[in-house]
Amino acid sequence: MEEEPRATPRRVRRLWLWRWRSNPLRRPSDRMEAWFLLTVWVGALLGAVLTGWVTQTATMDSLAASRSAAERVSAVVTQMPLGGTEGKVTVETYSDQAWAQVRWTADDGTAHTGAAWIDAEAAVGTSVTVWTNGADKVIPEPVGGSQAERQAVLLGVLAGLAVAAVGLSGGHLALRRLENRSVAGWETEWALVEPQWRKRMLG
């Protein structure tokens, strides 16, 4: 006895933008879902662009304000390098930088001391350049130029992507609820139509 050949399963092709295509099975709710999905995508895109631009602009303004408030002064190395326990000095370096104590004189003639990262090859008594704030405290060199621009662009892109991800995720969750309501509506309608259809088919 020959075995019947097995039917080859047909691959269901997904139709893109099916909610926009005219067909007798499309309901008003499908069209509403299509407009809702389009609104979500457009809103996410505009929100991402606007958020990225605002974040980039605010970051650039903040970095520029920080740099303008900082003061570049000439200081002298008094201890090189800093660090140690029980009176033993340990070398604390990072790449070509070393943590050292420096002293400088403010514009009003008062002397100040602080710790700063300087050239690792510097020695005690060497004149170095450090950055201070309005309270005469040593601070890291403010970001400026192309580095500030790259940092602002990066933060803007990340902020924009975050807003887009949140918007699309929320939109798809809402769309899923709409689809579940549509399926429930189909089931309710079928429960009303199915007995009449079966009676008509079976006679």
N, C-alpha and C. Protein backbone atom coordinates (compact mmCIF):
# COMPACT_ATOMS: atom_id res chain seq x y z
N MET A 1 0.85 -1.19 0.00
CA MET A 1 0.00 0.00 0.00
C MET A 1 0.89 1.24 0.00
N GLU A 2 0.65 2.04 -0.99
CA GLU A 2 1.48 3.22 -1.11
C GLU A 2 1.00 4.30 -0.14
N GLU A 3 1.98 4.95 0.44
CA GLU A 3 1.66 6.04 1.35
C GLU A 3 1.32 7.30 0.54
N GLU A 4 0.32 7.99 1.03
CA GLU A 4 -0.05 9.23 0.36
C GLU A 4 1.02 10.28 0.62
N PRO A 5 1.38 11.01 -0.41
CA PRO A 5 2.40 12.05 -0.21
C PRO A 5 1.91 13.11 0.76
N ARG A 6 2.81 13.50 1.64
CA ARG A 6 2.46 14.53 2.63
C ARG A 6 2.38 15.90 1.94
N ALA A 7 1.39 16.61 2.38
CA ALA A 7 1.23 17.95 1.83
C ALA A 7 2.33 18.85 2.35
N THR A 8 2.94 19.56 1.45
CA THR A 8 4.00 20.48 1.85
C THR A 8 3.38 21.74 2.45
N PRO A 9 3.75 22.08 3.68
CA PRO A 9 3.16 23.28 4.30
C PRO A 9 3.52 24.53 3.51
N ARG A 10 2.53 25.33 3.30
CA ARG A 10 2.75 26.57 2.57
C ARG A 10 3.19 27.67 3.53
N ARG A 11 4.15 28.40 3.11
CA ARG A 11 4.65 29.50 3.93
C ARG A 11 3.74 30.72 3.78
N VAL A 12 3.28 31.18 4.93
CA VAL A 12 2.39 32.33 4.91
C VAL A 12 3.22 33.60 4.73
N ARG A 13 2.92 34.32 3.67
CA ARG A 13 3.67 35.55 3.41
C ARG A 13 3.01 36.70 4.14
N ARG A 14 3.84 37.42 4.85
CA ARG A 14 3.34 38.56 5.62
C ARG A 14 3.14 39.75 4.70
N LEU A 15 1.96 40.33 4.77
CA LEU A 15 1.65 41.48 3.95
C LEU A 15 1.90 42.74 4.75
N TRP A 16 2.80 43.57 4.24
CA TRP A 16 3.08 44.83 4.90
C TRP A 16 1.98 45.84 4.58
N LEU A 17 1.71 46.69 5.54
CA LEU A 17 0.71 47.75 5.39
C LEU A 17 -0.66 47.18 5.03
N TRP A 18 -0.95 45.99 5.59
CA TRP A 18 -2.22 45.37 5.23
C TRP A 18 -3.41 46.18 5.74
N ARG A 19 -3.21 46.95 6.79
CA ARG A 19 -4.33 47.74 7.31
C ARG A 19 -4.73 48.86 6.35
N TRP A 20 -3.80 49.25 5.46
CA TRP A 20 -4.10 50.33 4.53
C TRP A 20 -4.69 49.80 3.21
N ARG A 21 -4.61 48.50 2.99
CA ARG A 21 -5.08 47.95 1.72
C ARG A 21 -6.57 47.68 1.77
N SER A 22 -7.22 47.97 0.66
CA SER A 22 -8.66 47.74 0.58
C SER A 22 -8.95 46.26 0.41
N ASN A 23 -9.78 45.72 1.28
CA ASN A 23 -10.22 44.34 1.16
C ASN A 23 -11.53 44.21 1.92
N PRO A 24 -12.36 43.24 1.55
CA PRO A 24 -13.70 43.13 2.17
C PRO A 24 -13.67 42.79 3.65
N LEU A 25 -12.53 42.29 4.15
CA LEU A 25 -12.46 41.93 5.57
C LEU A 25 -11.93 43.06 6.45
N ARG A 26 -11.51 44.14 5.84
CA ARG A 26 -10.99 45.24 6.64
C ARG A 26 -12.13 45.96 7.34
N ARG A 27 -11.98 46.14 8.65
CA ARG A 27 -13.01 46.78 9.45
C ARG A 27 -12.58 48.21 9.78
N PRO A 28 -13.50 49.03 10.26
CA PRO A 28 -13.13 50.39 10.69
C PRO A 28 -12.06 50.38 11.78
N SER A 29 -12.08 49.36 12.63
CA SER A 29 -11.06 49.29 13.70
C SER A 29 -9.67 49.07 13.12
N ASP A 30 -9.58 48.33 12.02
CA ASP A 30 -8.27 48.13 11.37
C ASP A 30 -7.72 49.45 10.83
N ARG A 31 -8.60 50.23 10.27
CA ARG A 31 -8.16 51.53 9.75
C ARG A 31 -7.74 52.44 10.90
N MET A 32 -8.47 52.39 12.01
CA MET A 32 -8.11 53.19 13.17
C MET A 32 -6.73 52.77 13.71
N GLU A 33 -6.48 51.46 13.74
CA GLU A 33 -5.18 50.97 14.19
C GLU A 33 -4.07 51.44 13.27
N ALA A 34 -4.34 51.50 11.97
CA ALA A 34 -3.33 51.96 11.01
C ALA A 34 -2.97 53.41 11.28
N TRP A 35 -3.97 54.25 11.48
CA TRP A 35 -3.69 55.66 11.78
C TRP A 35 -2.98 55.81 13.12
N PHE A 36 -3.37 55.00 14.07
CA PHE A 36 -2.71 55.06 15.39
C PHE A 36 -1.24 54.68 15.28
N LEU A 37 -0.96 53.62 14.51
CA LEU A 37 0.43 53.18 14.34
C LEU A 37 1.25 54.24 13.61
N LEU A 38 0.66 54.87 12.60
CA LEU A 38 1.36 55.94 11.89
C LEU A 38 1.64 57.12 12.82
N THR A 39 0.67 57.46 13.66
CA THR A 39 0.86 58.55 14.62
C THR A 39 1.98 58.24 15.60
N VAL A 40 2.04 57.00 16.05
CA VAL A 40 3.08 56.61 16.99
C VAL A 40 4.46 56.75 16.37
N TRP A 41 4.62 56.28 15.15
CA TRP A 41 5.93 56.35 14.48
C TRP A 41 6.34 57.80 14.22
N VAL A 42 5.41 58.60 13.74
CA VAL A 42 5.73 60.01 13.48
C VAL A 42 6.04 60.73 14.79
N GLY A 43 5.24 60.47 15.83
CA GLY A 43 5.48 61.10 17.12
C GLY A 43 6.81 60.69 17.72
N ALA A 44 7.16 59.41 17.59
CA ALA A 44 8.44 58.94 18.11
C ALA A 44 9.61 59.58 17.37
N LEU A 45 9.47 59.70 16.04
CA LEU A 45 10.53 60.32 15.25
C LEU A 45 10.71 61.79 15.61
N LEU A 46 9.60 62.53 15.65
CA LEU A 46 9.68 63.95 15.99
C LEU A 46 10.18 64.15 17.42
N GLY A 47 9.69 63.30 18.34
CA GLY A 47 10.13 63.41 19.72
C GLY A 47 11.61 63.12 19.87
N ALA A 48 12.11 62.14 19.12
CA ALA A 48 13.53 61.80 19.19
C ALA A 48 14.39 62.94 18.65
N VAL A 49 13.97 63.52 17.52
CA VAL A 49 14.73 64.62 16.92
C VAL A 49 14.73 65.84 17.84
N LEU A 50 13.56 66.19 18.37
CA LEU A 50 13.45 67.36 19.24
C LEU A 50 14.25 67.16 20.53
N THR A 51 14.12 65.98 21.13
CA THR A 51 14.86 65.70 22.37
C THR A 51 16.36 65.71 22.13
N GLY A 52 16.80 65.11 21.02
CA GLY A 52 18.22 65.10 20.71
C GLY A 52 18.77 66.50 20.52
N TRP A 53 17.99 67.35 19.80
CA TRP A 53 18.45 68.72 19.56
C TRP A 53 18.51 69.52 20.86
N VAL A 54 17.47 69.39 21.70
CA VAL A 54 17.45 70.11 22.98
C VAL A 54 18.59 69.65 23.88
N THR A 55 18.81 68.33 23.94
CA THR A 55 19.89 67.81 24.78
C THR A 55 21.25 68.26 24.29
N GLN A 56 21.46 68.22 22.99
CA GLN A 56 22.74 68.66 22.43
C GLN A 56 22.99 70.14 22.71
N THR A 57 21.95 70.96 22.50
CA THR A 57 22.09 72.40 22.74
C THR A 57 22.36 72.69 24.21
N ALA A 58 21.61 72.03 25.10
CA ALA A 58 21.79 72.26 26.54
C ALA A 58 23.18 71.81 26.99
N THR A 59 23.66 70.70 26.44
CA THR A 59 24.99 70.21 26.81
C THR A 59 26.07 71.17 26.35
N MET A 60 25.96 71.66 25.14
CA MET A 60 26.93 72.62 24.63
C MET A 60 26.94 73.89 25.47
N ASP A 61 25.75 74.38 25.84
CA ASP A 61 25.67 75.59 26.67
C ASP A 61 26.27 75.34 28.05
N SER A 62 26.00 74.16 28.63
CA SER A 62 26.53 73.84 29.95
C SER A 62 28.04 73.74 29.93
N LEU A 63 28.60 73.07 28.91
CA LEU A 63 30.05 72.94 28.81
C LEU A 63 30.72 74.29 28.56
N ALA A 64 30.07 75.12 27.74
CA ALA A 64 30.62 76.45 27.49
C ALA A 64 30.61 77.30 28.75
N ALA A 65 29.52 77.20 29.53
CA ALA A 65 29.44 77.96 30.78
C ALA A 65 30.49 77.49 31.78
N SER A 66 30.69 76.17 31.85
CA SER A 66 31.70 75.63 32.77
C SER A 66 33.10 76.10 32.38
N ARG A 67 33.37 76.13 31.08
CA ARG A 67 34.70 76.56 30.64
C ARG A 67 34.92 78.05 30.87
N SER A 68 33.87 78.85 30.64
CA SER A 68 34.02 80.29 30.85
C SER A 68 34.16 80.64 32.33
N ALA A 69 33.59 79.81 33.22
CA ALA A 69 33.70 80.07 34.66
C ALA A 69 35.03 79.60 35.23
N ALA A 70 35.73 78.72 34.50
CA ALA A 70 37.02 78.22 34.99
C ALA A 70 38.13 79.21 34.67
N GLU A 71 39.18 79.15 35.47
CA GLU A 71 40.32 80.05 35.29
C GLU A 71 41.60 79.23 35.16
N ARG A 72 42.38 79.57 34.18
CA ARG A 72 43.65 78.89 33.94
C ARG A 72 44.76 79.65 34.64
N VAL A 73 45.48 78.96 35.56
CA VAL A 73 46.53 79.63 36.34
C VAL A 73 47.83 78.83 36.24
N SER A 74 48.93 79.53 36.53
CA SER A 74 50.25 78.90 36.56
C SER A 74 50.57 78.53 38.00
N ALA A 75 50.94 77.26 38.22
CA ALA A 75 51.23 76.79 39.57
C ALA A 75 52.59 76.12 39.60
N VAL A 76 53.08 75.87 40.82
CA VAL A 76 54.37 75.23 41.03
C VAL A 76 54.14 73.91 41.76
N VAL A 77 54.80 72.85 41.31
CA VAL A 77 54.68 71.53 41.93
C VAL A 77 55.42 71.55 43.27
N THR A 78 54.71 71.18 44.36
CA THR A 78 55.33 71.14 45.68
C THR A 78 55.53 69.72 46.19
N GLN A 79 54.78 68.77 45.67
CA GLN A 79 54.95 67.37 46.06
C GLN A 79 54.59 66.50 44.88
N MET A 80 55.47 65.58 44.57
CA MET A 80 55.29 64.78 43.35
C MET A 80 55.84 63.37 43.52
N PRO A 81 55.02 62.32 43.46
CA PRO A 81 53.56 62.33 43.36
C PRO A 81 52.93 62.26 44.74
N LEU A 82 51.63 62.45 44.82
CA LEU A 82 50.91 62.33 46.08
C LEU A 82 50.53 60.87 46.33
N GLY A 83 50.19 60.58 47.60
CA GLY A 83 49.75 59.23 47.95
C GLY A 83 50.71 58.59 48.90
N GLY A 84 50.25 57.51 49.56
CA GLY A 84 51.14 56.78 50.44
C GLY A 84 50.47 56.43 51.75
N THR A 85 51.02 55.48 52.45
CA THR A 85 50.53 55.05 53.75
C THR A 85 51.72 54.87 54.68
N GLU A 86 51.53 55.24 55.96
CA GLU A 86 52.55 55.10 56.99
C GLU A 86 53.86 55.77 56.58
N GLY A 87 53.70 56.96 55.97
CA GLY A 87 54.88 57.73 55.62
C GLY A 87 55.58 57.29 54.35
N LYS A 88 55.11 56.25 53.71
CA LYS A 88 55.74 55.77 52.48
C LYS A 88 55.01 56.34 51.27
N VAL A 89 55.76 56.97 50.42
CA VAL A 89 55.17 57.57 49.22
C VAL A 89 54.98 56.50 48.16
N THR A 90 53.78 56.43 47.59
CA THR A 90 53.50 55.50 46.50
C THR A 90 53.21 56.30 45.25
N VAL A 91 53.67 55.79 44.14
CA VAL A 91 53.46 56.47 42.87
C VAL A 91 52.04 56.25 42.40
N GLU A 92 51.30 57.33 42.17
CA GLU A 92 49.94 57.26 41.66
C GLU A 92 49.93 57.94 40.30
N THR A 93 49.88 57.15 39.26
CA THR A 93 49.90 57.70 37.91
C THR A 93 48.77 57.09 37.09
N TYR A 94 48.40 57.80 36.07
CA TYR A 94 47.39 57.32 35.13
C TYR A 94 47.85 57.71 33.74
N SER A 95 48.24 56.72 32.95
CA SER A 95 48.78 56.96 31.63
C SER A 95 50.02 57.85 31.78
N ASP A 96 49.99 59.03 31.16
CA ASP A 96 51.14 59.93 31.26
C ASP A 96 50.90 61.04 32.28
N GLN A 97 49.90 60.87 33.17
CA GLN A 97 49.56 61.85 34.18
C GLN A 97 49.88 61.33 35.58
N ALA A 98 50.23 62.25 36.50
CA ALA A 98 50.51 61.90 37.88
C ALA A 98 49.75 62.83 38.81
N TRP A 99 49.38 62.31 39.97
CA TRP A 99 48.63 63.07 40.97
C TRP A 99 49.63 63.79 41.87
N ALA A 100 49.62 65.12 41.87
CA ALA A 100 50.63 65.89 42.58
C ALA A 100 49.99 67.08 43.30
N GLN A 101 50.74 67.63 44.27
CA GLN A 101 50.29 68.82 44.98
C GLN A 101 50.96 70.05 44.35
N VAL A 102 50.16 71.08 44.16
CA VAL A 102 50.66 72.29 43.52
C VAL A 102 50.28 73.51 44.35
N ARG A 103 51.01 74.61 44.13
CA ARG A 103 50.74 75.87 44.82
C ARG A 103 50.71 76.99 43.79
N TRP A 104 49.77 77.91 43.95
CA TRP A 104 49.69 79.04 43.05
C TRP A 104 49.24 80.28 43.82
N THR A 105 49.42 81.42 43.21
CA THR A 105 49.04 82.70 43.81
C THR A 105 47.89 83.30 43.03
N ALA A 106 46.82 83.64 43.75
CA ALA A 106 45.64 84.22 43.12
C ALA A 106 45.90 85.67 42.74
N ASP A 107 44.95 86.25 42.03
CA ASP A 107 45.09 87.63 41.58
C ASP A 107 45.18 88.61 42.75
N ASP A 108 44.56 88.25 43.90
CA ASP A 108 44.61 89.15 45.05
C ASP A 108 45.86 88.96 45.90
N GLY A 109 46.77 88.09 45.44
CA GLY A 109 48.03 87.90 46.15
C GLY A 109 48.03 86.78 47.17
N THR A 110 46.89 86.11 47.40
CA THR A 110 46.83 85.03 48.37
C THR A 110 47.33 83.73 47.74
N ALA A 111 48.02 82.94 48.57
CA ALA A 111 48.57 81.67 48.10
C ALA A 111 47.56 80.55 48.33
N HIS A 112 47.51 79.62 47.40
CA HIS A 112 46.58 78.49 47.49
C HIS A 112 47.33 77.21 47.11
N THR A 113 46.87 76.11 47.68
CA THR A 113 47.42 74.80 47.34
C THR A 113 46.28 73.86 46.98
N GLY A 114 46.61 72.86 46.20
CA GLY A 114 45.62 71.87 45.80
C GLY A 114 46.29 70.70 45.11
N ALA A 115 45.49 69.70 44.80
CA ALA A 115 45.99 68.51 44.11
C ALA A 115 45.47 68.49 42.70
N ALA A 116 46.30 68.08 41.76
CA ALA A 116 45.91 68.07 40.36
C ALA A 116 46.66 66.99 39.61
N TRP A 117 46.08 66.56 38.48
CA TRP A 117 46.76 65.64 37.58
C TRP A 117 47.67 66.47 36.67
N ILE A 118 48.97 66.15 36.67
CA ILE A 118 49.92 66.88 35.84
C ILE A 118 50.77 65.89 35.07
N ASP A 119 51.69 66.41 34.28
CA ASP A 119 52.60 65.56 33.50
C ASP A 119 53.39 64.67 34.44
N ALA A 120 53.42 63.37 34.16
CA ALA A 120 54.12 62.42 35.05
C ALA A 120 55.62 62.67 35.09
N GLU A 121 56.16 63.33 34.08
CA GLU A 121 57.59 63.59 34.05
C GLU A 121 57.98 64.88 34.77
N ALA A 122 56.99 65.62 35.30
CA ALA A 122 57.29 66.86 36.01
C ALA A 122 57.96 66.54 37.35
N ALA A 123 58.72 67.51 37.86
CA ALA A 123 59.42 67.35 39.14
C ALA A 123 59.03 68.47 40.08
N VAL A 124 59.37 68.32 41.36
CA VAL A 124 59.09 69.36 42.35
C VAL A 124 59.78 70.65 41.92
N GLY A 125 59.03 71.75 41.99
CA GLY A 125 59.54 73.03 41.57
C GLY A 125 59.22 73.38 40.13
N THR A 126 58.68 72.43 39.38
CA THR A 126 58.32 72.68 37.99
C THR A 126 57.07 73.54 37.91
N SER A 127 57.04 74.45 36.97
CA SER A 127 55.87 75.29 36.74
C SER A 127 54.90 74.56 35.81
N VAL A 128 53.66 74.41 36.24
CA VAL A 128 52.64 73.72 35.45
C VAL A 128 51.40 74.60 35.36
N THR A 129 50.52 74.24 34.45
CA THR A 129 49.26 74.97 34.28
C THR A 129 48.12 74.12 34.81
N VAL A 130 47.28 74.72 35.67
CA VAL A 130 46.11 74.02 36.22
C VAL A 130 44.89 74.91 36.03
N TRP A 131 43.72 74.31 36.23
CA TRP A 131 42.46 75.04 36.12
C TRP A 131 41.82 75.13 37.49
N THR A 132 41.25 76.30 37.83
CA THR A 132 40.58 76.50 39.11
C THR A 132 39.19 77.07 38.87
N ASN A 133 38.34 76.93 39.90
CA ASN A 133 37.00 77.51 39.82
C ASN A 133 36.98 78.85 40.56
N GLY A 134 35.81 79.40 40.74
CA GLY A 134 35.71 80.69 41.39
C GLY A 134 36.12 80.68 42.84
N ALA A 135 36.13 79.50 43.47
CA ALA A 135 36.52 79.38 44.88
C ALA A 135 37.99 79.00 45.01
N ASP A 136 38.77 79.18 43.96
CA ASP A 136 40.20 78.85 43.96
C ASP A 136 40.46 77.39 44.34
N LYS A 137 39.65 76.51 43.76
CA LYS A 137 39.82 75.07 43.95
C LYS A 137 40.21 74.46 42.61
N VAL A 138 41.18 73.56 42.64
CA VAL A 138 41.63 72.93 41.40
C VAL A 138 40.53 72.03 40.86
N ILE A 139 40.28 72.15 39.57
CA ILE A 139 39.27 71.34 38.90
C ILE A 139 39.89 70.74 37.64
N PRO A 140 39.29 69.67 37.11
CA PRO A 140 39.78 69.12 35.83
C PRO A 140 39.63 70.15 34.71
N GLU A 141 40.44 70.01 33.70
CA GLU A 141 40.35 70.94 32.57
C GLU A 141 38.98 70.83 31.91
N PRO A 142 38.26 71.95 31.79
CA PRO A 142 36.93 71.91 31.18
C PRO A 142 36.99 71.42 29.74
N VAL A 143 35.94 70.73 29.35
CA VAL A 143 35.86 70.22 27.99
C VAL A 143 35.54 71.36 27.04
N GLY A 144 36.20 71.40 25.92
CA GLY A 144 35.95 72.47 24.95
C GLY A 144 36.29 72.01 23.54
N GLY A 145 35.96 72.86 22.57
CA GLY A 145 36.30 72.56 21.20
C GLY A 145 35.56 71.37 20.62
N SER A 146 36.27 70.60 19.80
CA SER A 146 35.67 69.44 19.14
C SER A 146 35.27 68.36 20.13
N GLN A 147 36.00 68.26 21.24
CA GLN A 147 35.63 67.25 22.25
C GLN A 147 34.28 67.57 22.86
N ALA A 148 34.03 68.84 23.15
CA ALA A 148 32.73 69.23 23.68
C ALA A 148 31.62 68.97 22.67
N GLU A 149 31.91 69.24 21.41
CA GLU A 149 30.91 69.01 20.37
C GLU A 149 30.58 67.53 20.23
N ARG A 150 31.61 66.68 20.26
CA ARG A 150 31.37 65.23 20.17
C ARG A 150 30.57 64.75 21.37
N GLN A 151 30.89 65.24 22.56
CA GLN A 151 30.17 64.82 23.75
C GLN A 151 28.71 65.26 23.68
N ALA A 152 28.46 66.47 23.21
CA ALA A 152 27.09 66.96 23.10
C ALA A 152 26.31 66.15 22.07
N VAL A 153 26.93 65.85 20.94
CA VAL A 153 26.25 65.06 19.91
C VAL A 153 25.93 63.66 20.43
N LEU A 154 26.87 63.05 21.13
CA LEU A 154 26.65 61.71 21.67
C LEU A 154 25.48 61.70 22.65
N LEU A 155 25.47 62.68 23.57
CA LEU A 155 24.36 62.74 24.53
C LEU A 155 23.04 63.01 23.83
N GLY A 156 23.06 63.85 22.79
CA GLY A 156 21.84 64.11 22.05
C GLY A 156 21.31 62.87 21.35
N VAL A 157 22.21 62.10 20.74
CA VAL A 157 21.79 60.87 20.06
C VAL A 157 21.22 59.86 21.06
N LEU A 158 21.90 59.70 22.20
CA LEU A 158 21.42 58.75 23.21
C LEU A 158 20.06 59.16 23.75
N ALA A 159 19.89 60.46 24.02
CA ALA A 159 18.60 60.94 24.52
C ALA A 159 17.50 60.73 23.48
N GLY A 160 17.81 61.01 22.21
CA GLY A 160 16.83 60.81 21.15
C GLY A 160 16.43 59.35 20.99
N LEU A 161 17.41 58.46 21.04
CA LEU A 161 17.11 57.03 20.93
C LEU A 161 16.28 56.55 22.11
N ALA A 162 16.57 57.07 23.30
CA ALA A 162 15.80 56.66 24.48
C ALA A 162 14.34 57.09 24.34
N VAL A 163 14.11 58.32 23.90
CA VAL A 163 12.74 58.80 23.72
C VAL A 163 12.02 58.00 22.64
N ALA A 164 12.72 57.71 21.54
CA ALA A 164 12.10 56.93 20.47
C ALA A 164 11.75 55.53 20.95
N ALA A 165 12.65 54.91 21.72
CA ALA A 165 12.39 53.55 22.22
C ALA A 165 11.19 53.53 23.15
N VAL A 166 11.12 54.53 24.05
CA VAL A 166 9.98 54.58 24.98
C VAL A 166 8.68 54.82 24.22
N GLY A 167 8.71 55.75 23.25
CA GLY A 167 7.50 56.05 22.49
C GLY A 167 7.01 54.86 21.68
N LEU A 168 7.93 54.19 20.99
CA LEU A 168 7.54 53.04 20.17
C LEU A 168 7.06 51.87 21.03
N SER A 169 7.73 51.66 22.16
CA SER A 169 7.31 50.57 23.05
C SER A 169 5.92 50.82 23.59
N GLY A 170 5.68 52.06 24.06
CA GLY A 170 4.34 52.38 24.55
C GLY A 170 3.29 52.29 23.46
N GLY A 171 3.64 52.75 22.26
CA GLY A 171 2.69 52.68 21.15
C GLY A 171 2.34 51.25 20.77
N HIS A 172 3.35 50.38 20.73
CA HIS A 172 3.08 48.99 20.36
C HIS A 172 2.29 48.27 21.45
N LEU A 173 2.52 48.61 22.70
CA LEU A 173 1.71 48.02 23.77
C LEU A 173 0.25 48.44 23.64
N ALA A 174 0.05 49.73 23.35
CA ALA A 174 -1.32 50.20 23.15
C ALA A 174 -1.96 49.54 21.93
N LEU A 175 -1.15 49.38 20.85
CA LEU A 175 -1.67 48.73 19.65
C LEU A 175 -2.03 47.27 19.93
N ARG A 176 -1.22 46.62 20.75
CA ARG A 176 -1.54 45.23 21.09
C ARG A 176 -2.88 45.13 21.82
N ARG A 177 -3.15 46.11 22.69
CA ARG A 177 -4.44 46.11 23.38
C ARG A 177 -5.59 46.33 22.40
N LEU A 178 -5.37 47.22 21.43
CA LEU A 178 -6.40 47.44 20.42
C LEU A 178 -6.65 46.17 19.61
N GLU A 179 -5.58 45.47 19.27
CA GLU A 179 -5.72 44.23 18.52
C GLU A 179 -6.47 43.18 19.34
N ASN A 180 -6.16 43.10 20.63
CA ASN A 180 -6.87 42.14 21.49
C ASN A 180 -8.36 42.47 21.56
N ARG A 181 -8.67 43.77 21.61
CA ARG A 181 -10.08 44.16 21.61
C ARG A 181 -10.74 43.79 20.29
N SER A 182 -10.00 43.93 19.19
CA SER A 182 -10.55 43.57 17.89
C SER A 182 -10.82 42.07 17.81
N VAL A 183 -9.86 41.28 18.32
CA VAL A 183 -10.06 39.82 18.33
C VAL A 183 -11.26 39.44 19.18
N ALA A 184 -11.38 40.11 20.32
CA ALA A 184 -12.54 39.82 21.18
C ALA A 184 -13.84 40.20 20.47
N GLY A 185 -13.80 41.30 19.69
CA GLY A 185 -14.99 41.68 18.93
C GLY A 185 -15.33 40.66 17.86
N TRP A 186 -14.28 40.14 17.18
CA TRP A 186 -14.50 39.08 16.19
C TRP A 186 -15.16 37.87 16.85
N GLU A 187 -14.68 37.46 18.00
CA GLU A 187 -15.22 36.28 18.68
C GLU A 187 -16.68 36.50 19.08
N THR A 188 -16.98 37.72 19.54
CA THR A 188 -18.37 38.02 19.92
C THR A 188 -19.28 37.97 18.70
N GLU A 189 -18.84 38.56 17.59
CA GLU A 189 -19.64 38.54 16.38
C GLU A 189 -19.81 37.12 15.84
N TRP A 190 -18.73 36.34 15.92
CA TRP A 190 -18.83 34.97 15.42
C TRP A 190 -19.75 34.12 16.28
N ALA A 191 -19.77 34.39 17.57
CA ALA A 191 -20.67 33.65 18.45
C ALA A 191 -22.13 33.92 18.08
N LEU A 192 -22.41 35.09 17.55
CA LEU A 192 -23.78 35.40 17.15
C LEU A 192 -24.11 34.87 15.75
N VAL A 193 -23.09 34.89 14.87
CA VAL A 193 -23.33 34.51 13.48
C VAL A 193 -23.21 33.00 13.27
N GLU A 194 -22.31 32.36 14.02
CA GLU A 194 -22.00 30.94 13.77
C GLU A 194 -23.22 30.02 13.84
N PRO A 195 -24.15 30.15 14.84
CA PRO A 195 -25.32 29.26 14.82
C PRO A 195 -26.18 29.41 13.57
N GLN A 196 -26.37 30.66 13.12
CA GLN A 196 -27.17 30.86 11.91
C GLN A 196 -26.46 30.31 10.69
N TRP A 197 -25.16 30.51 10.63
CA TRP A 197 -24.39 30.00 9.49
C TRP A 197 -24.40 28.48 9.46
N ARG A 198 -24.23 27.85 10.63
CA ARG A 198 -24.25 26.39 10.69
C ARG A 198 -25.62 25.83 10.31
N LYS A 199 -26.68 26.52 10.77
CA LYS A 199 -28.03 26.05 10.45
C LYS A 199 -28.29 26.15 8.96
N ARG A 200 -27.79 27.21 8.34
CA ARG A 200 -27.99 27.39 6.92
C ARG A 200 -27.18 26.36 6.12
N MET A 201 -25.96 26.02 6.59
CA MET A 201 -25.13 25.08 5.87
C MET A 201 -25.64 23.65 6.02
N LEU A 202 -26.12 23.30 7.22
CA LEU A 202 -26.56 21.92 7.46
C LEU A 202 -28.02 21.70 7.08
N GLY A 203 -28.77 22.79 6.96
CA GLY A 203 -30.14 22.67 6.57
C GLY A 203 -31.08 22.28 7.71
